[in-house]
Amino acid sequence: MEKIGRWSFIIQGVAVFGVIGTLFYMMINKYYEYEYVWSHVADYLPLRYLFLAFWEGQQGSFLLWIFWHVILGFVLLRVAKKWESPTLSILSAIQFFLLSMILGIYLLPELRLGVTPFNLLRFSDGMTGLPIFSNANYLSMIQGKGLNPLLQNYWMIIHPPTLFLGFASVTIPFCYAMAGFWKKDFSGWLKPVLPWALLAVQSWVPVL
């Protein structure tokens, strides 16, 4: 069972990398038929700002958060030892919640779970039925909205990844604490969690 859980987390991580890579590919190639690309990318935007465009929107921000959880989870696979199963179980539950925010699945006609970054522009809210989409060559008639000018700054390339690393790293001590309750080992988790707590504090220092 532990082996199945380990491989499930690895497969989930690889899938997350695939989603992020696919979204970057769409943004680099200016696939404006997708709402997320159209909303955050423009032809004039320099390549370095595509990273900013990626996490400017809510879906990209969630993906950045999920990405750091995957990286830290892979580290847990190597170092957690007897705490691997309970800590990764808690982390996986958190991942499931975050991933639900970008599913975009309709549970009911008026109830949608999350918003996918792969939603087509012609099917997005407020766009359905517009005359422009009746033209087969409508993509030649539109341009991307581009990035908010206030975000077009070198430091904004660094700040969000550091911020979300802080969010993600704080999760790991929480996973250890919950694992301690799970295993009814109320003090054994304190020693292995110390490096993670230090990482969490150091990650938040640049943010603060």
N, C-alpha and C. Protein backbone atom coordinates (compact mmCIF):
# COMPACT_ATOMS: atom_id res chain seq x y z
N MET A 1 0.82 -1.20 0.00
CA MET A 1 0.00 0.00 0.00
C MET A 1 0.87 1.27 0.00
N GLU A 2 1.96 1.22 0.77
CA GLU A 2 2.85 2.38 0.82
C GLU A 2 3.48 2.65 -0.54
N LYS A 3 3.82 1.56 -1.25
CA LYS A 3 4.41 1.70 -2.58
C LYS A 3 3.42 2.31 -3.56
N ILE A 4 2.16 1.90 -3.46
CA ILE A 4 1.11 2.45 -4.33
C ILE A 4 0.94 3.95 -4.07
N GLY A 5 0.91 4.32 -2.77
CA GLY A 5 0.79 5.73 -2.43
C GLY A 5 1.95 6.56 -2.93
N ARG A 6 3.17 5.99 -2.82
CA ARG A 6 4.36 6.71 -3.29
C ARG A 6 4.30 6.95 -4.79
N TRP A 7 3.95 5.92 -5.54
CA TRP A 7 3.88 6.07 -6.99
C TRP A 7 2.72 6.96 -7.42
N SER A 8 1.65 6.93 -6.66
CA SER A 8 0.52 7.83 -6.97
C SER A 8 0.93 9.28 -6.83
N PHE A 9 1.71 9.58 -5.78
CA PHE A 9 2.17 10.96 -5.61
C PHE A 9 3.13 11.35 -6.73
N ILE A 10 3.99 10.43 -7.14
CA ILE A 10 4.93 10.73 -8.23
C ILE A 10 4.19 10.98 -9.53
N ILE A 11 3.19 10.14 -9.82
CA ILE A 11 2.42 10.32 -11.05
C ILE A 11 1.67 11.65 -11.03
N GLN A 12 1.10 11.97 -9.86
CA GLN A 12 0.42 13.27 -9.71
C GLN A 12 1.39 14.41 -9.97
N GLY A 13 2.61 14.30 -9.44
CA GLY A 13 3.61 15.34 -9.65
C GLY A 13 3.99 15.50 -11.11
N VAL A 14 4.18 14.39 -11.79
CA VAL A 14 4.52 14.43 -13.22
C VAL A 14 3.37 15.06 -14.01
N ALA A 15 2.12 14.73 -13.62
CA ALA A 15 0.96 15.32 -14.29
C ALA A 15 0.91 16.83 -14.10
N VAL A 16 1.25 17.29 -12.89
CA VAL A 16 1.29 18.73 -12.63
C VAL A 16 2.34 19.40 -13.51
N PHE A 17 3.52 18.80 -13.62
CA PHE A 17 4.55 19.35 -14.50
C PHE A 17 4.06 19.40 -15.94
N GLY A 18 3.30 18.37 -16.34
CA GLY A 18 2.77 18.34 -17.70
C GLY A 18 1.78 19.47 -17.94
N VAL A 19 0.91 19.74 -16.97
CA VAL A 19 -0.06 20.83 -17.09
C VAL A 19 0.66 22.17 -17.19
N ILE A 20 1.64 22.38 -16.32
CA ILE A 20 2.39 23.64 -16.33
C ILE A 20 3.14 23.81 -17.65
N GLY A 21 3.78 22.74 -18.11
CA GLY A 21 4.50 22.80 -19.38
C GLY A 21 3.58 23.09 -20.55
N THR A 22 2.39 22.48 -20.54
CA THR A 22 1.42 22.71 -21.61
C THR A 22 0.95 24.16 -21.62
N LEU A 23 0.68 24.69 -20.43
CA LEU A 23 0.21 26.07 -20.35
C LEU A 23 1.29 27.05 -20.80
N PHE A 24 2.54 26.79 -20.41
CA PHE A 24 3.65 27.62 -20.88
C PHE A 24 3.77 27.56 -22.40
N TYR A 25 3.63 26.37 -22.95
CA TYR A 25 3.73 26.20 -24.41
C TYR A 25 2.65 27.03 -25.11
N MET A 26 1.43 26.98 -24.58
CA MET A 26 0.34 27.76 -25.16
C MET A 26 0.63 29.25 -25.09
N MET A 27 1.23 29.70 -23.99
CA MET A 27 1.50 31.12 -23.82
C MET A 27 2.65 31.58 -24.71
N ILE A 28 3.68 30.76 -24.82
CA ILE A 28 4.82 31.10 -25.67
C ILE A 28 4.38 31.23 -27.13
N ASN A 29 3.48 30.34 -27.55
CA ASN A 29 3.04 30.32 -28.95
C ASN A 29 1.81 31.18 -29.19
N LYS A 30 1.37 31.93 -28.16
CA LYS A 30 0.27 32.90 -28.29
C LYS A 30 -1.00 32.24 -28.83
N TYR A 31 -1.43 31.18 -28.17
CA TYR A 31 -2.67 30.51 -28.54
C TYR A 31 -3.85 31.28 -27.93
N TYR A 32 -4.27 32.32 -28.63
CA TYR A 32 -5.28 33.21 -28.09
C TYR A 32 -6.68 32.60 -28.09
N GLU A 33 -6.84 31.42 -28.65
CA GLU A 33 -8.16 30.79 -28.56
C GLU A 33 -8.48 30.32 -27.14
N TYR A 34 -7.45 30.32 -26.29
CA TYR A 34 -7.65 29.97 -24.89
C TYR A 34 -7.78 31.25 -24.05
N GLU A 35 -8.79 31.28 -23.23
CA GLU A 35 -9.09 32.49 -22.46
C GLU A 35 -7.91 32.93 -21.59
N TYR A 36 -7.22 31.98 -20.96
CA TYR A 36 -6.14 32.36 -20.05
C TYR A 36 -4.99 33.01 -20.81
N VAL A 37 -4.67 32.48 -21.98
CA VAL A 37 -3.60 33.06 -22.80
C VAL A 37 -4.02 34.44 -23.29
N TRP A 38 -5.23 34.56 -23.80
CA TRP A 38 -5.72 35.85 -24.30
C TRP A 38 -5.75 36.90 -23.19
N SER A 39 -6.07 36.49 -21.97
CA SER A 39 -6.21 37.44 -20.86
C SER A 39 -4.89 37.97 -20.33
N HIS A 40 -3.78 37.23 -20.53
CA HIS A 40 -2.54 37.59 -19.86
C HIS A 40 -1.32 37.74 -20.78
N VAL A 41 -1.48 37.43 -22.05
CA VAL A 41 -0.34 37.47 -22.98
C VAL A 41 -0.68 38.41 -24.13
N ALA A 42 0.36 39.02 -24.71
CA ALA A 42 0.21 39.86 -25.90
C ALA A 42 1.45 39.70 -26.77
N ASP A 43 1.33 40.05 -28.04
CA ASP A 43 2.46 39.88 -28.96
C ASP A 43 3.67 40.70 -28.55
N TYR A 44 3.44 41.86 -27.94
CA TYR A 44 4.54 42.74 -27.58
C TYR A 44 5.26 42.31 -26.31
N LEU A 45 4.72 41.35 -25.61
CA LEU A 45 5.25 40.99 -24.29
C LEU A 45 6.58 40.26 -24.42
N PRO A 46 7.65 40.76 -23.78
CA PRO A 46 8.94 40.05 -23.83
C PRO A 46 8.85 38.66 -23.22
N LEU A 47 9.71 37.76 -23.65
CA LEU A 47 9.67 36.38 -23.19
C LEU A 47 9.81 36.27 -21.67
N ARG A 48 10.65 37.12 -21.07
CA ARG A 48 10.87 37.03 -19.63
C ARG A 48 9.61 37.32 -18.82
N TYR A 49 8.70 38.08 -19.42
CA TYR A 49 7.47 38.42 -18.71
C TYR A 49 6.38 37.35 -18.85
N LEU A 50 6.65 36.30 -19.64
CA LEU A 50 5.69 35.22 -19.74
C LEU A 50 5.53 34.50 -18.41
N PHE A 51 6.61 34.49 -17.61
CA PHE A 51 6.51 33.91 -16.29
C PHE A 51 5.51 34.70 -15.44
N LEU A 52 5.60 36.01 -15.54
CA LEU A 52 4.66 36.86 -14.83
C LEU A 52 3.24 36.63 -15.33
N ALA A 53 3.09 36.52 -16.64
CA ALA A 53 1.78 36.29 -17.22
C ALA A 53 1.21 34.95 -16.76
N PHE A 54 2.11 33.98 -16.54
CA PHE A 54 1.66 32.65 -16.11
C PHE A 54 0.96 32.72 -14.76
N TRP A 55 1.57 33.40 -13.80
CA TRP A 55 0.96 33.41 -12.46
C TRP A 55 0.19 34.71 -12.16
N GLU A 56 -0.04 35.53 -13.19
CA GLU A 56 -0.85 36.73 -12.97
C GLU A 56 -2.29 36.34 -12.63
N GLY A 57 -2.81 35.32 -13.30
CA GLY A 57 -4.17 34.89 -13.07
C GLY A 57 -4.28 33.90 -11.92
N GLN A 58 -5.49 33.68 -11.47
CA GLN A 58 -5.73 32.80 -10.32
C GLN A 58 -5.31 31.37 -10.60
N GLN A 59 -5.61 30.87 -11.81
CA GLN A 59 -5.27 29.49 -12.12
C GLN A 59 -3.77 29.28 -12.12
N GLY A 60 -3.02 30.25 -12.68
CA GLY A 60 -1.57 30.15 -12.69
C GLY A 60 -0.99 30.22 -11.30
N SER A 61 -1.59 31.04 -10.43
CA SER A 61 -1.13 31.15 -9.05
C SER A 61 -1.34 29.83 -8.31
N PHE A 62 -2.49 29.21 -8.53
CA PHE A 62 -2.73 27.91 -7.91
C PHE A 62 -1.73 26.88 -8.42
N LEU A 63 -1.44 26.90 -9.72
CA LEU A 63 -0.48 25.96 -10.28
C LEU A 63 0.92 26.17 -9.70
N LEU A 64 1.29 27.42 -9.48
CA LEU A 64 2.59 27.71 -8.86
C LEU A 64 2.63 27.15 -7.44
N TRP A 65 1.56 27.31 -6.69
CA TRP A 65 1.46 26.78 -5.33
C TRP A 65 1.55 25.26 -5.35
N ILE A 66 0.79 24.64 -6.27
CA ILE A 66 0.80 23.18 -6.42
C ILE A 66 2.18 22.68 -6.82
N PHE A 67 2.85 23.42 -7.70
CA PHE A 67 4.20 23.06 -8.14
C PHE A 67 5.16 22.94 -6.96
N TRP A 68 5.13 23.92 -6.06
CA TRP A 68 6.03 23.87 -4.90
C TRP A 68 5.67 22.72 -3.97
N HIS A 69 4.40 22.41 -3.84
CA HIS A 69 4.01 21.24 -3.05
C HIS A 69 4.60 19.96 -3.63
N VAL A 70 4.59 19.86 -4.95
CA VAL A 70 5.16 18.68 -5.60
C VAL A 70 6.66 18.58 -5.31
N ILE A 71 7.37 19.69 -5.47
CA ILE A 71 8.81 19.70 -5.22
C ILE A 71 9.10 19.30 -3.78
N LEU A 72 8.42 19.90 -2.83
CA LEU A 72 8.65 19.59 -1.42
C LEU A 72 8.21 18.16 -1.10
N GLY A 73 7.16 17.69 -1.77
CA GLY A 73 6.72 16.31 -1.58
C GLY A 73 7.76 15.32 -2.06
N PHE A 74 8.42 15.63 -3.19
CA PHE A 74 9.48 14.75 -3.67
C PHE A 74 10.65 14.69 -2.68
N VAL A 75 10.91 15.82 -2.04
CA VAL A 75 11.96 15.82 -1.00
C VAL A 75 11.52 14.95 0.18
N LEU A 76 10.25 15.05 0.56
CA LEU A 76 9.73 14.21 1.64
C LEU A 76 9.88 12.72 1.32
N LEU A 77 9.70 12.37 0.06
CA LEU A 77 9.86 10.97 -0.34
C LEU A 77 11.25 10.44 -0.02
N ARG A 78 12.23 11.34 -0.06
CA ARG A 78 13.61 10.94 0.19
C ARG A 78 14.01 10.99 1.66
N VAL A 79 13.43 11.90 2.42
CA VAL A 79 13.96 12.16 3.77
C VAL A 79 12.98 11.84 4.89
N ALA A 80 11.70 11.64 4.60
CA ALA A 80 10.72 11.52 5.68
C ALA A 80 10.79 10.20 6.43
N LYS A 81 11.27 9.15 5.76
CA LYS A 81 11.42 7.82 6.38
C LYS A 81 10.10 7.34 6.99
N LYS A 82 10.05 7.10 8.29
CA LYS A 82 8.84 6.52 8.88
C LYS A 82 7.66 7.49 8.85
N TRP A 83 7.94 8.77 8.60
CA TRP A 83 6.89 9.78 8.53
C TRP A 83 6.38 9.98 7.10
N GLU A 84 6.93 9.21 6.16
CA GLU A 84 6.58 9.42 4.76
C GLU A 84 5.09 9.23 4.49
N SER A 85 4.53 8.12 4.92
CA SER A 85 3.13 7.82 4.61
C SER A 85 2.15 8.84 5.19
N PRO A 86 2.23 9.14 6.49
CA PRO A 86 1.24 10.10 7.03
C PRO A 86 1.43 11.52 6.51
N THR A 87 2.68 11.97 6.37
CA THR A 87 2.89 13.35 5.91
C THR A 87 2.46 13.51 4.46
N LEU A 88 2.78 12.54 3.61
CA LEU A 88 2.39 12.64 2.21
C LEU A 88 0.88 12.45 2.04
N SER A 89 0.26 11.72 2.93
CA SER A 89 -1.20 11.59 2.87
C SER A 89 -1.86 12.93 3.14
N ILE A 90 -1.37 13.64 4.15
CA ILE A 90 -1.92 14.97 4.45
C ILE A 90 -1.63 15.94 3.31
N LEU A 91 -0.40 15.90 2.77
CA LEU A 91 -0.03 16.78 1.67
C LEU A 91 -0.87 16.49 0.43
N SER A 92 -1.15 15.21 0.18
CA SER A 92 -1.97 14.83 -0.98
C SER A 92 -3.39 15.34 -0.83
N ALA A 93 -3.91 15.33 0.40
CA ALA A 93 -5.25 15.86 0.63
C ALA A 93 -5.29 17.36 0.33
N ILE A 94 -4.23 18.07 0.72
CA ILE A 94 -4.14 19.51 0.44
C ILE A 94 -4.03 19.74 -1.06
N GLN A 95 -3.23 18.90 -1.73
CA GLN A 95 -3.10 18.99 -3.19
C GLN A 95 -4.45 18.78 -3.87
N PHE A 96 -5.20 17.82 -3.38
CA PHE A 96 -6.52 17.54 -3.97
C PHE A 96 -7.41 18.78 -3.88
N PHE A 97 -7.37 19.45 -2.74
CA PHE A 97 -8.18 20.66 -2.57
C PHE A 97 -7.73 21.75 -3.54
N LEU A 98 -6.41 21.97 -3.65
CA LEU A 98 -5.91 23.01 -4.55
C LEU A 98 -6.21 22.67 -6.01
N LEU A 99 -6.04 21.40 -6.37
CA LEU A 99 -6.30 20.99 -7.75
C LEU A 99 -7.77 21.15 -8.11
N SER A 100 -8.65 21.02 -7.12
CA SER A 100 -10.07 21.20 -7.40
C SER A 100 -10.38 22.63 -7.84
N MET A 101 -9.49 23.57 -7.48
CA MET A 101 -9.69 24.97 -7.84
C MET A 101 -9.45 25.24 -9.33
N ILE A 102 -8.81 24.30 -10.02
CA ILE A 102 -8.51 24.53 -11.44
C ILE A 102 -9.10 23.43 -12.32
N LEU A 103 -10.07 22.67 -11.80
CA LEU A 103 -10.67 21.60 -12.59
C LEU A 103 -11.62 22.15 -13.64
N GLY A 104 -12.50 23.06 -13.24
CA GLY A 104 -13.47 23.60 -14.19
C GLY A 104 -14.54 22.60 -14.58
N ILE A 105 -14.88 21.70 -13.68
CA ILE A 105 -15.89 20.68 -13.95
C ILE A 105 -17.25 21.14 -13.44
N TYR A 106 -18.27 20.97 -14.27
CA TYR A 106 -19.63 21.32 -13.88
C TYR A 106 -20.26 20.14 -13.15
N LEU A 107 -20.53 20.31 -11.86
CA LEU A 107 -21.22 19.29 -11.09
C LEU A 107 -22.73 19.36 -11.34
N LEU A 108 -23.20 20.58 -11.56
CA LEU A 108 -24.59 20.86 -11.93
C LEU A 108 -24.54 21.94 -13.01
N PRO A 109 -25.64 22.15 -13.73
CA PRO A 109 -25.62 23.18 -14.78
C PRO A 109 -25.16 24.56 -14.29
N GLU A 110 -25.43 24.89 -13.03
CA GLU A 110 -25.05 26.20 -12.50
C GLU A 110 -23.99 26.10 -11.40
N LEU A 111 -23.39 24.92 -11.25
CA LEU A 111 -22.40 24.71 -10.19
C LEU A 111 -21.11 24.17 -10.80
N ARG A 112 -20.09 25.01 -10.86
CA ARG A 112 -18.81 24.62 -11.44
C ARG A 112 -17.76 24.51 -10.34
N LEU A 113 -16.98 23.44 -10.40
CA LEU A 113 -15.90 23.23 -9.43
C LEU A 113 -14.60 23.75 -10.03
N GLY A 114 -14.17 24.94 -9.58
CA GLY A 114 -12.93 25.52 -10.07
C GLY A 114 -13.06 26.11 -11.46
N VAL A 115 -11.97 26.70 -11.94
CA VAL A 115 -11.91 27.30 -13.27
C VAL A 115 -10.64 26.81 -13.95
N THR A 116 -10.80 26.14 -15.06
CA THR A 116 -9.64 25.59 -15.76
C THR A 116 -8.90 26.65 -16.56
N PRO A 117 -7.57 26.59 -16.62
CA PRO A 117 -6.83 27.52 -17.48
C PRO A 117 -6.91 27.15 -18.96
N PHE A 118 -7.56 26.02 -19.26
CA PHE A 118 -7.66 25.56 -20.64
C PHE A 118 -9.04 25.81 -21.23
N ASN A 119 -9.77 26.74 -20.65
CA ASN A 119 -11.08 27.10 -21.16
C ASN A 119 -10.94 27.89 -22.47
N LEU A 120 -11.69 27.50 -23.48
CA LEU A 120 -11.64 28.21 -24.75
C LEU A 120 -12.30 29.58 -24.63
N LEU A 121 -11.73 30.56 -25.32
CA LEU A 121 -12.22 31.92 -25.24
C LEU A 121 -13.67 32.03 -25.68
N ARG A 122 -14.03 31.30 -26.73
CA ARG A 122 -15.39 31.42 -27.27
C ARG A 122 -16.44 30.80 -26.34
N PHE A 123 -15.99 30.01 -25.36
CA PHE A 123 -16.93 29.41 -24.42
C PHE A 123 -16.83 30.04 -23.02
N SER A 124 -16.03 31.08 -22.88
CA SER A 124 -15.83 31.69 -21.56
C SER A 124 -16.99 32.62 -21.22
N ASP A 125 -17.07 32.97 -19.94
CA ASP A 125 -18.16 33.83 -19.47
C ASP A 125 -18.14 35.17 -20.19
N GLY A 126 -19.28 35.57 -20.71
CA GLY A 126 -19.42 36.84 -21.39
C GLY A 126 -19.02 36.82 -22.86
N MET A 127 -18.46 35.70 -23.33
CA MET A 127 -17.99 35.63 -24.71
C MET A 127 -18.89 34.75 -25.59
N THR A 128 -19.65 33.89 -24.98
CA THR A 128 -20.47 32.96 -25.74
C THR A 128 -21.49 33.70 -26.60
N GLY A 129 -21.50 33.35 -27.87
CA GLY A 129 -22.49 33.92 -28.77
C GLY A 129 -22.09 35.21 -29.44
N LEU A 130 -20.89 35.74 -29.16
CA LEU A 130 -20.46 36.98 -29.81
C LEU A 130 -20.30 36.74 -31.32
N PRO A 131 -20.67 37.71 -32.16
CA PRO A 131 -20.62 37.52 -33.62
C PRO A 131 -19.23 37.17 -34.15
N ILE A 132 -18.18 37.66 -33.48
CA ILE A 132 -16.83 37.44 -34.00
C ILE A 132 -16.51 35.95 -34.11
N PHE A 133 -17.09 35.14 -33.22
CA PHE A 133 -16.76 33.72 -33.21
C PHE A 133 -17.48 32.93 -34.30
N SER A 134 -18.37 33.58 -35.03
CA SER A 134 -18.99 32.93 -36.19
C SER A 134 -18.06 32.96 -37.40
N ASN A 135 -16.99 33.74 -37.30
CA ASN A 135 -15.99 33.81 -38.37
C ASN A 135 -14.93 32.75 -38.12
N ALA A 136 -14.70 31.89 -39.11
CA ALA A 136 -13.73 30.81 -38.96
C ALA A 136 -12.32 31.32 -38.72
N ASN A 137 -12.03 32.54 -39.16
CA ASN A 137 -10.69 33.13 -39.01
C ASN A 137 -10.66 34.17 -37.89
N TYR A 138 -11.47 33.96 -36.87
CA TYR A 138 -11.56 34.98 -35.81
C TYR A 138 -10.24 35.20 -35.08
N LEU A 139 -9.36 34.20 -35.07
CA LEU A 139 -8.08 34.34 -34.35
C LEU A 139 -7.20 35.41 -34.99
N SER A 140 -7.36 35.64 -36.28
CA SER A 140 -6.59 36.69 -36.95
C SER A 140 -7.13 38.08 -36.64
N MET A 141 -8.26 38.13 -35.97
CA MET A 141 -8.91 39.40 -35.70
C MET A 141 -8.79 39.84 -34.24
N ILE A 142 -8.13 39.03 -33.41
CA ILE A 142 -8.02 39.37 -32.00
C ILE A 142 -6.56 39.45 -31.58
N GLN A 143 -6.32 40.18 -30.53
CA GLN A 143 -5.00 40.28 -29.91
C GLN A 143 -5.14 40.03 -28.41
N GLY A 144 -4.05 39.57 -27.82
CA GLY A 144 -4.08 39.33 -26.38
C GLY A 144 -4.17 40.63 -25.60
N LYS A 145 -4.78 40.56 -24.43
CA LYS A 145 -4.92 41.75 -23.57
C LYS A 145 -3.60 42.15 -22.95
N GLY A 146 -2.70 41.19 -22.73
CA GLY A 146 -1.38 41.51 -22.19
C GLY A 146 -1.35 41.56 -20.68
N LEU A 147 -0.18 41.90 -20.18
CA LEU A 147 0.11 41.89 -18.75
C LEU A 147 -0.14 43.28 -18.16
N ASN A 148 -0.67 43.28 -16.95
CA ASN A 148 -0.87 44.53 -16.22
C ASN A 148 0.46 45.30 -16.16
N PRO A 149 0.50 46.56 -16.60
CA PRO A 149 1.76 47.32 -16.60
C PRO A 149 2.41 47.41 -15.22
N LEU A 150 1.61 47.40 -14.16
CA LEU A 150 2.16 47.48 -12.82
C LEU A 150 2.99 46.25 -12.45
N LEU A 151 2.77 45.15 -13.17
CA LEU A 151 3.49 43.91 -12.88
C LEU A 151 4.73 43.73 -13.75
N GLN A 152 4.89 44.60 -14.73
CA GLN A 152 6.02 44.45 -15.65
C GLN A 152 7.29 45.01 -15.03
N ASN A 153 7.80 44.23 -14.07
CA ASN A 153 8.96 44.62 -13.30
C ASN A 153 9.78 43.37 -12.99
N TYR A 154 11.09 43.53 -13.03
CA TYR A 154 11.98 42.38 -12.79
C TYR A 154 11.69 41.71 -11.45
N TRP A 155 11.42 42.51 -10.43
CA TRP A 155 11.22 41.94 -9.10
C TRP A 155 9.94 41.13 -9.00
N MET A 156 8.98 41.40 -9.85
CA MET A 156 7.75 40.62 -9.84
C MET A 156 7.96 39.23 -10.43
N ILE A 157 9.08 39.02 -11.11
CA ILE A 157 9.43 37.67 -11.57
C ILE A 157 9.88 36.83 -10.38
N ILE A 158 10.50 37.46 -9.39
CA ILE A 158 11.05 36.76 -8.24
C ILE A 158 10.05 36.65 -7.10
N HIS A 159 9.28 37.71 -6.89
CA HIS A 159 8.44 37.78 -5.70
C HIS A 159 7.38 36.67 -5.60
N PRO A 160 6.55 36.44 -6.63
CA PRO A 160 5.51 35.41 -6.48
C PRO A 160 6.05 34.00 -6.22
N PRO A 161 7.10 33.53 -6.94
CA PRO A 161 7.61 32.19 -6.60
C PRO A 161 8.10 32.09 -5.16
N THR A 162 8.73 33.16 -4.67
CA THR A 162 9.19 33.16 -3.27
C THR A 162 8.01 33.14 -2.32
N LEU A 163 6.99 33.92 -2.66
CA LEU A 163 5.80 33.98 -1.82
C LEU A 163 5.13 32.61 -1.73
N PHE A 164 4.95 31.96 -2.86
CA PHE A 164 4.26 30.67 -2.86
C PHE A 164 5.14 29.55 -2.32
N LEU A 165 6.45 29.69 -2.42
CA LEU A 165 7.33 28.75 -1.72
C LEU A 165 7.11 28.87 -0.22
N GLY A 166 6.91 30.10 0.26
CA GLY A 166 6.60 30.30 1.66
C GLY A 166 5.29 29.63 2.05
N PHE A 167 4.24 29.81 1.21
CA PHE A 167 2.97 29.15 1.48
C PHE A 167 3.15 27.63 1.55
N ALA A 168 3.86 27.09 0.54
CA ALA A 168 4.01 25.64 0.45
C ALA A 168 4.86 25.08 1.59
N SER A 169 5.94 25.79 1.94
CA SER A 169 6.84 25.27 2.97
C SER A 169 6.19 25.27 4.35
N VAL A 170 5.27 26.22 4.59
CA VAL A 170 4.54 26.22 5.86
C VAL A 170 3.64 24.98 5.96
N THR A 171 3.24 24.45 4.83
CA THR A 171 2.36 23.28 4.82
C THR A 171 3.06 22.05 5.40
N ILE A 172 4.36 21.92 5.18
CA ILE A 172 5.06 20.70 5.60
C ILE A 172 5.07 20.54 7.13
N PRO A 173 5.40 21.57 7.93
CA PRO A 173 5.26 21.40 9.38
C PRO A 173 3.84 21.03 9.79
N PHE A 174 2.85 21.58 9.11
CA PHE A 174 1.46 21.20 9.39
C PHE A 174 1.25 19.71 9.13
N CYS A 175 1.82 19.22 8.02
CA CYS A 175 1.68 17.79 7.70
C CYS A 175 2.32 16.92 8.78
N TYR A 176 3.48 17.35 9.28
CA TYR A 176 4.13 16.60 10.36
C TYR A 176 3.29 16.63 11.63
N ALA A 177 2.73 17.79 11.94
CA ALA A 177 1.90 17.90 13.15
C ALA A 177 0.69 16.98 13.06
N MET A 178 0.02 16.98 11.91
CA MET A 178 -1.13 16.10 11.73
C MET A 178 -0.72 14.63 11.74
N ALA A 179 0.48 14.35 11.19
CA ALA A 179 1.00 12.97 11.21
C ALA A 179 1.26 12.52 12.64
N GLY A 180 1.72 13.43 13.49
CA GLY A 180 1.93 13.11 14.90
C GLY A 180 0.64 12.71 15.58
N PHE A 181 -0.45 13.45 15.30
CA PHE A 181 -1.76 13.08 15.84
C PHE A 181 -2.22 11.75 15.27
N TRP A 182 -1.97 11.56 13.98
CA TRP A 182 -2.41 10.34 13.30
C TRP A 182 -1.75 9.11 13.93
N LYS A 183 -0.44 9.18 14.14
CA LYS A 183 0.31 8.06 14.68
C LYS A 183 0.29 8.02 16.22
N LYS A 184 -0.36 9.02 16.82
CA LYS A 184 -0.38 9.15 18.29
C LYS A 184 1.04 9.23 18.87
N ASP A 185 1.90 9.83 18.08
CA ASP A 185 3.28 10.09 18.52
C ASP A 185 3.38 11.61 18.67
N PHE A 186 3.11 12.11 19.86
CA PHE A 186 2.91 13.54 20.05
C PHE A 186 4.21 14.33 20.20
N SER A 187 5.34 13.64 20.25
CA SER A 187 6.62 14.35 20.38
C SER A 187 7.65 13.91 19.34
N GLY A 188 7.44 12.73 18.76
CA GLY A 188 8.44 12.21 17.82
C GLY A 188 8.58 13.02 16.55
N TRP A 189 7.54 13.77 16.20
CA TRP A 189 7.57 14.55 14.96
C TRP A 189 8.33 15.86 15.10
N LEU A 190 8.63 16.25 16.34
CA LEU A 190 9.23 17.57 16.58
C LEU A 190 10.65 17.68 16.01
N LYS A 191 11.44 16.64 16.15
CA LYS A 191 12.81 16.71 15.66
C LYS A 191 12.88 16.75 14.13
N PRO A 192 12.20 15.83 13.41
CA PRO A 192 12.30 15.88 11.95
C PRO A 192 11.65 17.12 11.33
N VAL A 193 10.76 17.79 12.07
CA VAL A 193 10.08 18.95 11.49
C VAL A 193 10.92 20.22 11.58
N LEU A 194 11.94 20.23 12.42
CA LEU A 194 12.71 21.46 12.64
C LEU A 194 13.32 22.02 11.35
N PRO A 195 13.99 21.21 10.50
CA PRO A 195 14.52 21.78 9.25
C PRO A 195 13.44 22.38 8.36
N TRP A 196 12.27 21.76 8.36
CA TRP A 196 11.17 22.27 7.55
C TRP A 196 10.64 23.58 8.12
N ALA A 197 10.59 23.67 9.43
CA ALA A 197 10.15 24.92 10.05
C ALA A 197 11.14 26.04 9.75
N LEU A 198 12.43 25.72 9.74
CA LEU A 198 13.45 26.71 9.41
C LEU A 198 13.32 27.16 7.97
N LEU A 199 13.08 26.21 7.07
CA LEU A 199 12.86 26.55 5.66
C LEU A 199 11.66 27.47 5.51
N ALA A 200 10.59 27.19 6.23
CA ALA A 200 9.38 28.01 6.14
C ALA A 200 9.66 29.43 6.58
N VAL A 201 10.40 29.58 7.69
CA VAL A 201 10.72 30.92 8.18
C VAL A 201 11.61 31.66 7.18
N GLN A 202 12.63 30.99 6.65
CA GLN A 202 13.53 31.63 5.69
C GLN A 202 12.80 32.00 4.41
N SER A 203 11.82 31.20 4.00
CA SER A 203 11.07 31.50 2.79
C SER A 203 10.21 32.75 2.95
N TRP A 204 9.76 32.99 4.17
CA TRP A 204 8.90 34.14 4.41
C TRP A 204 9.68 35.43 4.64
N VAL A 205 10.97 35.33 4.96
CA VAL A 205 11.76 36.54 5.24
C VAL A 205 11.79 37.48 4.05
N PRO A 206 12.09 36.99 2.79
CA PRO A 206 12.10 37.93 1.65
C PRO A 206 10.73 38.54 1.39
N VAL A 207 9.66 37.77 1.70
CA VAL A 207 8.30 38.25 1.46
C VAL A 207 7.97 39.40 2.41
N LEU A 208 8.35 39.21 3.68
CA LEU A 208 8.08 40.24 4.67
C LEU A 208 8.99 41.45 4.51
